[in-house]
Amino acid sequence: MKAHILKPTESHIEGYARVDVTELTAGLSQFVDSECDQIFANDALDAIPGDKMYEAIKQIVAKLRLRGSVVVGGTDILMFCKNVVSGEIAVNEASNIISATESMNTATDVAQALTILGLTINSVTHTGVAHYEIKATRNG
């Protein structure tokens, strides 16, 4: 089973079950624990309140089978701030990004949460001016 966790307005990947990030617990309830061999949530963490990030990642990991893979991502707050200060992100664009996100984390904090939950980090990629994606595998 493959799951794609995304925002309500986004299109899901063909062949993946759609999970609305704004209804994460209900959406993930369609899967039993350890059922998914792939979970793709490359932009989902921006839609989760910062104080709920660890719990959301824990819920996602619970649905991942052993040796299954996950991709999580969002906006890296440190890169975002650096790029706003340097002028790489214009103030108007920064305002739009902020208004479109529930929260921002750092790739380091998300990778640490995944590691604590028993996953091996395969890669951390930064794209654009502030986006990150982390690919990880659940240890078997």
N, C-alpha and C. Protein backbone atom coordinates (compact mmCIF):
# COMPACT_ATOMS: atom_id res chain seq x y z
N MET A 1 0.85 -1.18 0.00
CA MET A 1 0.00 0.00 0.00
C MET A 1 0.89 1.24 0.00
N LYS A 2 0.47 2.24 -0.76
CA LYS A 2 1.20 3.50 -0.85
C LYS A 2 0.25 4.62 -0.47
N ALA A 3 0.76 5.59 0.29
CA ALA A 3 -0.06 6.72 0.73
C ALA A 3 0.60 8.03 0.34
N HIS A 4 -0.21 8.98 -0.06
CA HIS A 4 0.26 10.32 -0.38
C HIS A 4 -0.47 11.30 0.54
N ILE A 5 0.28 11.93 1.43
CA ILE A 5 -0.28 12.89 2.38
C ILE A 5 -0.08 14.27 1.79
N LEU A 6 -1.18 14.99 1.59
CA LEU A 6 -1.09 16.27 0.93
C LEU A 6 -2.17 17.23 1.38
N LYS A 7 -2.03 18.47 0.96
CA LYS A 7 -3.01 19.51 1.27
C LYS A 7 -4.27 19.30 0.43
N PRO A 8 -5.41 19.78 0.91
CA PRO A 8 -6.69 19.53 0.22
C PRO A 8 -6.73 19.96 -1.24
N THR A 9 -6.02 21.01 -1.61
CA THR A 9 -6.09 21.53 -2.97
C THR A 9 -5.11 20.85 -3.93
N GLU A 10 -4.25 19.97 -3.43
CA GLU A 10 -3.26 19.32 -4.27
C GLU A 10 -3.80 18.03 -4.88
N SER A 11 -3.26 17.66 -6.02
CA SER A 11 -3.60 16.40 -6.68
C SER A 11 -2.67 15.31 -6.16
N HIS A 12 -3.24 14.13 -5.93
CA HIS A 12 -2.41 13.04 -5.41
C HIS A 12 -1.79 12.24 -6.56
N ILE A 13 -0.77 11.48 -6.20
CA ILE A 13 -0.05 10.66 -7.17
C ILE A 13 -0.91 9.44 -7.50
N GLU A 14 -1.03 9.16 -8.78
CA GLU A 14 -1.75 7.97 -9.24
C GLU A 14 -1.17 6.72 -8.58
N GLY A 15 -2.03 5.85 -8.08
CA GLY A 15 -1.58 4.61 -7.45
C GLY A 15 -1.33 4.74 -5.96
N TYR A 16 -1.46 5.94 -5.43
CA TYR A 16 -1.29 6.20 -3.99
C TYR A 16 -2.64 6.55 -3.39
N ALA A 17 -2.90 6.05 -2.19
CA ALA A 17 -4.12 6.44 -1.48
C ALA A 17 -3.95 7.88 -0.99
N ARG A 18 -4.98 8.67 -1.16
CA ARG A 18 -4.95 10.08 -0.77
C ARG A 18 -5.24 10.21 0.72
N VAL A 19 -4.40 11.00 1.42
CA VAL A 19 -4.62 11.32 2.82
C VAL A 19 -4.52 12.84 2.94
N ASP A 20 -5.59 13.46 3.38
CA ASP A 20 -5.63 14.92 3.56
C ASP A 20 -4.88 15.26 4.85
N VAL A 21 -3.85 16.08 4.73
CA VAL A 21 -3.02 16.42 5.89
C VAL A 21 -3.82 17.17 6.96
N THR A 22 -4.87 17.89 6.57
CA THR A 22 -5.66 18.61 7.56
C THR A 22 -6.56 17.67 8.36
N GLU A 23 -6.69 16.43 7.90
CA GLU A 23 -7.46 15.39 8.59
C GLU A 23 -6.56 14.17 8.76
N LEU A 24 -5.33 14.40 9.23
CA LEU A 24 -4.30 13.37 9.22
C LEU A 24 -4.71 12.11 9.99
N THR A 25 -5.16 12.26 11.22
CA THR A 25 -5.52 11.09 12.03
C THR A 25 -6.62 10.28 11.36
N ALA A 26 -7.67 10.96 10.91
CA ALA A 26 -8.77 10.26 10.23
C ALA A 26 -8.30 9.63 8.93
N GLY A 27 -7.49 10.34 8.18
CA GLY A 27 -7.00 9.82 6.91
C GLY A 27 -6.11 8.60 7.07
N LEU A 28 -5.26 8.63 8.09
CA LEU A 28 -4.37 7.49 8.32
C LEU A 28 -5.11 6.30 8.91
N SER A 29 -6.31 6.52 9.44
CA SER A 29 -7.07 5.41 10.04
C SER A 29 -7.52 4.39 8.99
N GLN A 30 -7.44 4.75 7.70
CA GLN A 30 -7.79 3.78 6.65
C GLN A 30 -6.74 2.68 6.52
N PHE A 31 -5.59 2.87 7.17
CA PHE A 31 -4.51 1.89 7.12
C PHE A 31 -4.31 1.25 8.49
N VAL A 32 -3.99 -0.02 8.51
CA VAL A 32 -3.60 -0.64 9.77
C VAL A 32 -2.12 -0.33 9.98
N ASP A 33 -1.66 -0.44 11.21
CA ASP A 33 -0.25 -0.19 11.49
C ASP A 33 0.62 -1.12 10.65
N SER A 34 1.72 -0.60 10.19
CA SER A 34 2.73 -1.33 9.39
C SER A 34 2.20 -1.80 8.04
N GLU A 35 1.20 -1.14 7.48
CA GLU A 35 0.62 -1.56 6.20
C GLU A 35 1.30 -0.93 4.98
N CYS A 36 1.81 0.26 5.10
CA CYS A 36 2.30 1.00 3.93
C CYS A 36 3.77 0.72 3.64
N ASP A 37 4.06 0.45 2.37
CA ASP A 37 5.47 0.29 2.01
C ASP A 37 6.07 1.61 1.54
N GLN A 38 5.23 2.58 1.18
CA GLN A 38 5.71 3.91 0.83
C GLN A 38 4.71 4.96 1.31
N ILE A 39 5.25 6.01 1.89
CA ILE A 39 4.42 7.17 2.27
C ILE A 39 5.13 8.41 1.75
N PHE A 40 4.40 9.21 1.01
CA PHE A 40 4.96 10.41 0.40
C PHE A 40 4.24 11.61 0.98
N ALA A 41 4.98 12.43 1.72
CA ALA A 41 4.43 13.63 2.36
C ALA A 41 5.42 14.77 2.19
N ASN A 42 5.81 15.02 0.94
CA ASN A 42 6.91 15.93 0.67
C ASN A 42 6.64 17.38 1.01
N ASP A 43 5.40 17.77 1.20
CA ASP A 43 5.08 19.17 1.49
C ASP A 43 4.11 19.28 2.66
N ALA A 44 3.87 18.18 3.33
CA ALA A 44 2.80 18.11 4.32
C ALA A 44 3.11 18.80 5.66
N LEU A 45 4.36 18.82 6.06
CA LEU A 45 4.66 19.32 7.41
C LEU A 45 4.34 20.80 7.59
N ASP A 46 4.29 21.56 6.50
CA ASP A 46 3.92 22.97 6.60
C ASP A 46 2.47 23.16 7.06
N ALA A 47 1.64 22.14 6.90
CA ALA A 47 0.23 22.23 7.24
C ALA A 47 -0.08 21.68 8.63
N ILE A 48 0.97 21.34 9.38
CA ILE A 48 0.79 20.77 10.73
C ILE A 48 1.34 21.76 11.75
N PRO A 49 0.55 22.08 12.79
CA PRO A 49 1.06 23.00 13.82
C PRO A 49 2.40 22.50 14.39
N GLY A 50 3.30 23.43 14.66
CA GLY A 50 4.63 23.09 15.13
C GLY A 50 4.66 22.21 16.36
N ASP A 51 3.76 22.46 17.30
CA ASP A 51 3.74 21.65 18.53
C ASP A 51 3.16 20.26 18.31
N LYS A 52 2.63 20.00 17.12
CA LYS A 52 2.05 18.69 16.79
C LYS A 52 2.93 17.91 15.80
N MET A 53 4.06 18.49 15.40
CA MET A 53 4.91 17.89 14.38
C MET A 53 5.38 16.50 14.77
N TYR A 54 5.93 16.33 15.96
CA TYR A 54 6.46 15.03 16.36
C TYR A 54 5.35 13.98 16.39
N GLU A 55 4.20 14.32 16.94
CA GLU A 55 3.08 13.38 17.01
C GLU A 55 2.59 13.00 15.62
N ALA A 56 2.56 13.96 14.70
CA ALA A 56 2.15 13.66 13.32
C ALA A 56 3.13 12.71 12.65
N ILE A 57 4.42 12.96 12.83
CA ILE A 57 5.43 12.07 12.25
C ILE A 57 5.32 10.68 12.87
N LYS A 58 5.04 10.63 14.16
CA LYS A 58 4.87 9.34 14.85
C LYS A 58 3.69 8.57 14.26
N GLN A 59 2.58 9.25 13.97
CA GLN A 59 1.41 8.61 13.36
C GLN A 59 1.74 8.09 11.97
N ILE A 60 2.49 8.87 11.20
CA ILE A 60 2.89 8.45 9.85
C ILE A 60 3.78 7.22 9.92
N VAL A 61 4.78 7.26 10.78
CA VAL A 61 5.73 6.14 10.90
C VAL A 61 5.02 4.87 11.35
N ALA A 62 4.00 4.99 12.19
CA ALA A 62 3.27 3.80 12.66
C ALA A 62 2.63 3.04 11.50
N LYS A 63 2.28 3.73 10.44
CA LYS A 63 1.63 3.08 9.29
C LYS A 63 2.63 2.49 8.31
N LEU A 64 3.90 2.78 8.52
CA LEU A 64 4.96 2.33 7.61
C LEU A 64 5.44 0.94 8.00
N ARG A 65 5.49 0.03 7.04
CA ARG A 65 5.97 -1.32 7.34
C ARG A 65 7.49 -1.33 7.46
N LEU A 66 8.02 -2.37 8.06
CA LEU A 66 9.46 -2.50 8.20
C LEU A 66 10.12 -2.47 6.82
N ARG A 67 11.19 -1.75 6.71
CA ARG A 67 11.92 -1.51 5.48
C ARG A 67 11.13 -0.67 4.47
N GLY A 68 10.00 -0.11 4.92
CA GLY A 68 9.24 0.81 4.09
C GLY A 68 9.92 2.17 4.07
N SER A 69 9.57 2.97 3.05
CA SER A 69 10.21 4.28 2.93
C SER A 69 9.20 5.41 3.04
N VAL A 70 9.70 6.52 3.52
CA VAL A 70 8.88 7.71 3.68
C VAL A 70 9.66 8.91 3.16
N VAL A 71 8.93 9.85 2.57
CA VAL A 71 9.49 11.15 2.19
C VAL A 71 8.63 12.19 2.88
N VAL A 72 9.26 13.01 3.71
CA VAL A 72 8.55 14.11 4.37
C VAL A 72 9.27 15.40 4.02
N GLY A 73 8.52 16.49 4.03
CA GLY A 73 9.16 17.76 3.71
C GLY A 73 8.31 18.94 4.10
N GLY A 74 8.91 20.08 3.92
CA GLY A 74 8.25 21.33 4.25
C GLY A 74 9.20 22.49 4.04
N THR A 75 8.90 23.59 4.69
CA THR A 75 9.72 24.79 4.60
C THR A 75 10.65 24.85 5.80
N ASP A 76 11.93 24.96 5.54
CA ASP A 76 12.94 25.05 6.60
C ASP A 76 12.97 26.50 7.10
N ILE A 77 12.57 26.70 8.34
CA ILE A 77 12.45 28.04 8.91
C ILE A 77 13.79 28.78 8.91
N LEU A 78 14.88 28.10 9.16
CA LEU A 78 16.19 28.77 9.18
C LEU A 78 16.60 29.23 7.79
N MET A 79 16.41 28.37 6.79
CA MET A 79 16.71 28.76 5.41
C MET A 79 15.79 29.89 4.97
N PHE A 80 14.52 29.79 5.34
CA PHE A 80 13.55 30.80 4.98
C PHE A 80 13.98 32.17 5.52
N CYS A 81 14.29 32.23 6.81
CA CYS A 81 14.69 33.51 7.43
C CYS A 81 15.97 34.05 6.79
N LYS A 82 16.94 33.19 6.58
CA LYS A 82 18.20 33.60 5.95
C LYS A 82 17.94 34.20 4.57
N ASN A 83 17.07 33.56 3.81
CA ASN A 83 16.79 34.03 2.45
C ASN A 83 15.92 35.28 2.42
N VAL A 84 15.11 35.51 3.44
CA VAL A 84 14.37 36.76 3.53
C VAL A 84 15.34 37.89 3.85
N VAL A 85 16.21 37.69 4.83
CA VAL A 85 17.17 38.71 5.24
C VAL A 85 18.12 39.05 4.09
N SER A 86 18.56 38.05 3.33
CA SER A 86 19.50 38.29 2.24
C SER A 86 18.83 38.88 1.00
N GLY A 87 17.51 38.91 0.97
CA GLY A 87 16.79 39.43 -0.18
C GLY A 87 16.50 38.38 -1.24
N GLU A 88 16.91 37.14 -1.00
CA GLU A 88 16.64 36.04 -1.94
C GLU A 88 15.13 35.79 -2.05
N ILE A 89 14.42 35.99 -0.95
CA ILE A 89 12.95 35.92 -0.94
C ILE A 89 12.45 37.33 -0.68
N ALA A 90 11.67 37.86 -1.61
CA ALA A 90 11.11 39.20 -1.45
C ALA A 90 10.11 39.22 -0.30
N VAL A 91 9.94 40.37 0.31
CA VAL A 91 9.05 40.50 1.46
C VAL A 91 7.63 40.08 1.11
N ASN A 92 7.13 40.48 -0.05
CA ASN A 92 5.77 40.08 -0.46
C ASN A 92 5.66 38.58 -0.61
N GLU A 93 6.68 37.96 -1.21
CA GLU A 93 6.69 36.50 -1.37
C GLU A 93 6.77 35.82 0.00
N ALA A 94 7.59 36.38 0.89
CA ALA A 94 7.70 35.82 2.24
C ALA A 94 6.36 35.88 2.96
N SER A 95 5.65 36.96 2.80
CA SER A 95 4.34 37.10 3.43
C SER A 95 3.38 36.04 2.90
N ASN A 96 3.41 35.79 1.59
CA ASN A 96 2.54 34.76 1.00
C ASN A 96 2.90 33.38 1.52
N ILE A 97 4.19 33.09 1.65
CA ILE A 97 4.62 31.79 2.16
C ILE A 97 4.17 31.62 3.60
N ILE A 98 4.35 32.64 4.40
CA ILE A 98 3.94 32.57 5.81
C ILE A 98 2.44 32.35 5.93
N SER A 99 1.66 33.06 5.14
CA SER A 99 0.20 32.91 5.24
C SER A 99 -0.29 31.56 4.75
N ALA A 100 0.52 30.87 3.94
CA ALA A 100 0.13 29.56 3.41
C ALA A 100 0.58 28.40 4.30
N THR A 101 1.31 28.69 5.38
CA THR A 101 1.82 27.63 6.24
C THR A 101 1.22 27.72 7.64
N GLU A 102 1.02 26.57 8.23
CA GLU A 102 0.60 26.49 9.62
C GLU A 102 1.82 26.67 10.53
N SER A 103 2.94 26.11 10.08
CA SER A 103 4.20 26.23 10.81
C SER A 103 5.36 25.87 9.89
N MET A 104 6.55 26.15 10.35
CA MET A 104 7.77 25.76 9.65
C MET A 104 8.69 25.12 10.68
N ASN A 105 9.43 24.11 10.25
CA ASN A 105 10.39 23.43 11.11
C ASN A 105 11.76 23.53 10.45
N THR A 106 12.73 22.89 11.04
CA THR A 106 14.02 22.76 10.36
C THR A 106 14.15 21.32 9.89
N ALA A 107 14.88 21.13 8.82
CA ALA A 107 15.13 19.77 8.33
C ALA A 107 15.84 18.96 9.40
N THR A 108 16.71 19.61 10.16
CA THR A 108 17.45 18.93 11.23
C THR A 108 16.51 18.39 12.29
N ASP A 109 15.52 19.19 12.71
CA ASP A 109 14.56 18.75 13.73
C ASP A 109 13.71 17.59 13.23
N VAL A 110 13.29 17.65 11.98
CA VAL A 110 12.47 16.58 11.41
C VAL A 110 13.29 15.30 11.27
N ALA A 111 14.53 15.42 10.80
CA ALA A 111 15.40 14.25 10.69
C ALA A 111 15.65 13.63 12.06
N GLN A 112 15.82 14.46 13.07
CA GLN A 112 16.02 13.95 14.43
C GLN A 112 14.79 13.19 14.91
N ALA A 113 13.60 13.72 14.64
CA ALA A 113 12.36 13.04 15.03
C ALA A 113 12.26 11.68 14.34
N LEU A 114 12.59 11.63 13.07
CA LEU A 114 12.54 10.36 12.33
C LEU A 114 13.54 9.36 12.91
N THR A 115 14.71 9.83 13.26
CA THR A 115 15.74 8.97 13.84
C THR A 115 15.30 8.43 15.20
N ILE A 116 14.73 9.28 16.03
CA ILE A 116 14.23 8.86 17.34
C ILE A 116 13.17 7.77 17.18
N LEU A 117 12.38 7.86 16.12
CA LEU A 117 11.32 6.88 15.86
C LEU A 117 11.84 5.63 15.16
N GLY A 118 13.14 5.50 15.03
CA GLY A 118 13.73 4.26 14.52
C GLY A 118 13.96 4.20 13.02
N LEU A 119 13.91 5.32 12.33
CA LEU A 119 14.14 5.33 10.90
C LEU A 119 15.59 5.69 10.59
N THR A 120 16.05 5.22 9.47
CA THR A 120 17.37 5.58 8.96
C THR A 120 17.19 6.68 7.92
N ILE A 121 17.90 7.77 8.07
CA ILE A 121 17.83 8.87 7.11
C ILE A 121 18.67 8.48 5.89
N ASN A 122 18.05 8.45 4.73
CA ASN A 122 18.75 8.14 3.48
C ASN A 122 19.28 9.39 2.80
N SER A 123 18.50 10.48 2.86
CA SER A 123 18.96 11.73 2.26
C SER A 123 18.16 12.90 2.81
N VAL A 124 18.79 14.05 2.82
CA VAL A 124 18.15 15.32 3.13
C VAL A 124 18.47 16.24 1.97
N THR A 125 17.44 16.70 1.28
CA THR A 125 17.63 17.53 0.09
C THR A 125 16.96 18.88 0.32
N HIS A 126 17.68 19.93 -0.01
CA HIS A 126 17.12 21.28 0.02
C HIS A 126 16.90 21.72 -1.42
N THR A 127 15.69 22.18 -1.72
CA THR A 127 15.36 22.65 -3.05
C THR A 127 14.79 24.05 -2.95
N GLY A 128 14.89 24.78 -4.02
CA GLY A 128 14.36 26.14 -4.01
C GLY A 128 15.07 26.98 -2.96
N VAL A 129 14.37 27.95 -2.43
CA VAL A 129 15.00 28.86 -1.47
C VAL A 129 14.81 28.44 -0.02
N ALA A 130 13.90 27.51 0.25
CA ALA A 130 13.70 27.14 1.66
C ALA A 130 13.03 25.78 1.85
N HIS A 131 12.83 25.01 0.83
CA HIS A 131 12.13 23.73 0.96
C HIS A 131 13.12 22.59 1.20
N TYR A 132 12.70 21.62 2.01
CA TYR A 132 13.51 20.43 2.25
C TYR A 132 12.66 19.19 2.06
N GLU A 133 13.33 18.09 1.71
CA GLU A 133 12.71 16.78 1.68
C GLU A 133 13.67 15.80 2.33
N ILE A 134 13.11 14.95 3.17
CA ILE A 134 13.90 13.93 3.86
C ILE A 134 13.37 12.57 3.45
N LYS A 135 14.26 11.72 2.96
CA LYS A 135 13.91 10.35 2.60
C LYS A 135 14.48 9.46 3.71
N ALA A 136 13.63 8.58 4.24
CA ALA A 136 14.04 7.71 5.33
C ALA A 136 13.42 6.33 5.17
N THR A 137 14.02 5.35 5.82
CA THR A 137 13.56 3.97 5.78
C THR A 137 13.35 3.47 7.20
N ARG A 138 12.24 2.75 7.39
CA ARG A 138 11.97 2.16 8.70
C ARG A 138 12.83 0.92 8.86
N ASN A 139 13.61 0.88 9.91
CA ASN A 139 14.53 -0.24 10.16
C ASN A 139 13.76 -1.51 10.44
N GLY A 140 14.32 -2.63 9.98
CA GLY A 140 13.67 -3.91 10.17
C GLY A 140 14.36 -4.80 11.15
